[in-house]
């Protein structure tokens, strides 16, 4: 058998792994298998620019004080035309891998064909958590994970449309912002006491909640949704019996790692496909990376799963190198971002720290919290502070000790302190 590496999953991690194999000098066969028929595309724009970039673009732009790049659905490709052909990467799109025979080193596809592999990389990603209790009724229900989901959802976002979002996490609040930009009437129903509670410290969460409310978003916090209403007013029935009128219900209550294929094929799974520090699974010659993976996190000192763009890219690079024999441990400082209205929200490291220091000006919507533990910078959360966040991340990676008064001083140079 020719030396063949098969990659299952055509998202960011899969495409990154394929490119890294070629950059690493691999001259054998690289096959990228993806269930979606579209050419591999970037997912972060799905809840943002894809929802707003069509005939409503002029309307949307009138609400944005800064010149944000709006990327249309036909402009979110992960790689340019010809990239795969130039690198001799075979694409098998629009088909699923139905089973893996680890002993025979073979995968079976839904179209009945088979692929023999020397090594296999699983980057199967995640799927939305469903909420069956509210799926039955007169109001359409939307989930957002694929490009097709986004295009379908966009058709509902018309001025005056009553959009109720279940879930105040990252996706929920990004969709809320996009719907507001299209002049919808938006309500967010969240079980927790604050929005984006898992992703942000309380101070930033509260700031963001105020920002959304100022844009007209109604936040229904510590609120439980029961089912769709069956009375005269189509909408969502809450635990207290009240009804929120709705033209569309959007569910954004998190994701689940897509481990079905791995589990059925005998790989060890525990809230994700379990891998070691090098990305190897429990089955020889099978590796995994991305949202579906549970890995030993050296930053937090425990096994974890990460569901963000930077992790998917960075782990895929390391795993692809290890497939070629590098034996490089995956060490990653968590980093995520979210774009809402004209705000760029970034989080790096951990914010559950004993103390924090604020830099910048909240009134100008440009500030940062630096989180410290034992005097060392362990995390940072920023609003419209992309440049300083880059330097803060270096401080986090180096576990640099900085006195809080210095960090709070606007004249203190983070770039210099980080060695940048």
Foldseek 3Di string as FASTA:
>chain_A
DWAEEEEEAQEQLQVLLLVLLVVLPDDTAYEYEEQAQDAYFHAQLLLALQLQPDPCVVLLVVLFPDDDDRAHPVGGHPDDPPPCVVSNYHYHYNKHFDAAALVQQKTAIPVGDMDHHPFYEYAPAWAFDDDVQACDDDAHEAEDDDNVSSNVVSVQLAAAFEEEEEAQAQSRQSNLLSSLSRNYQYEYEELAQFGNPVPDDPVVRVLVVVVSVVSRYHYHYNWAWGYFDPDPATATATPVGDGDHHNYYYYHHDIAAPCPRVVVHPWDDDSAREDEQQQDTPRPSYGYFAQRYFYQAPLVRGTDGDHADVRSNQSSSSNSVVSVPPPDGDYDWDKHWHDGRNKIKIKTFDQPAPDWAKEDDVVVQWIKIFGDHPQFTGMMITINDVPLVVLSNLSNVVRPGDDRVLVHDNVRDSCVSSVD
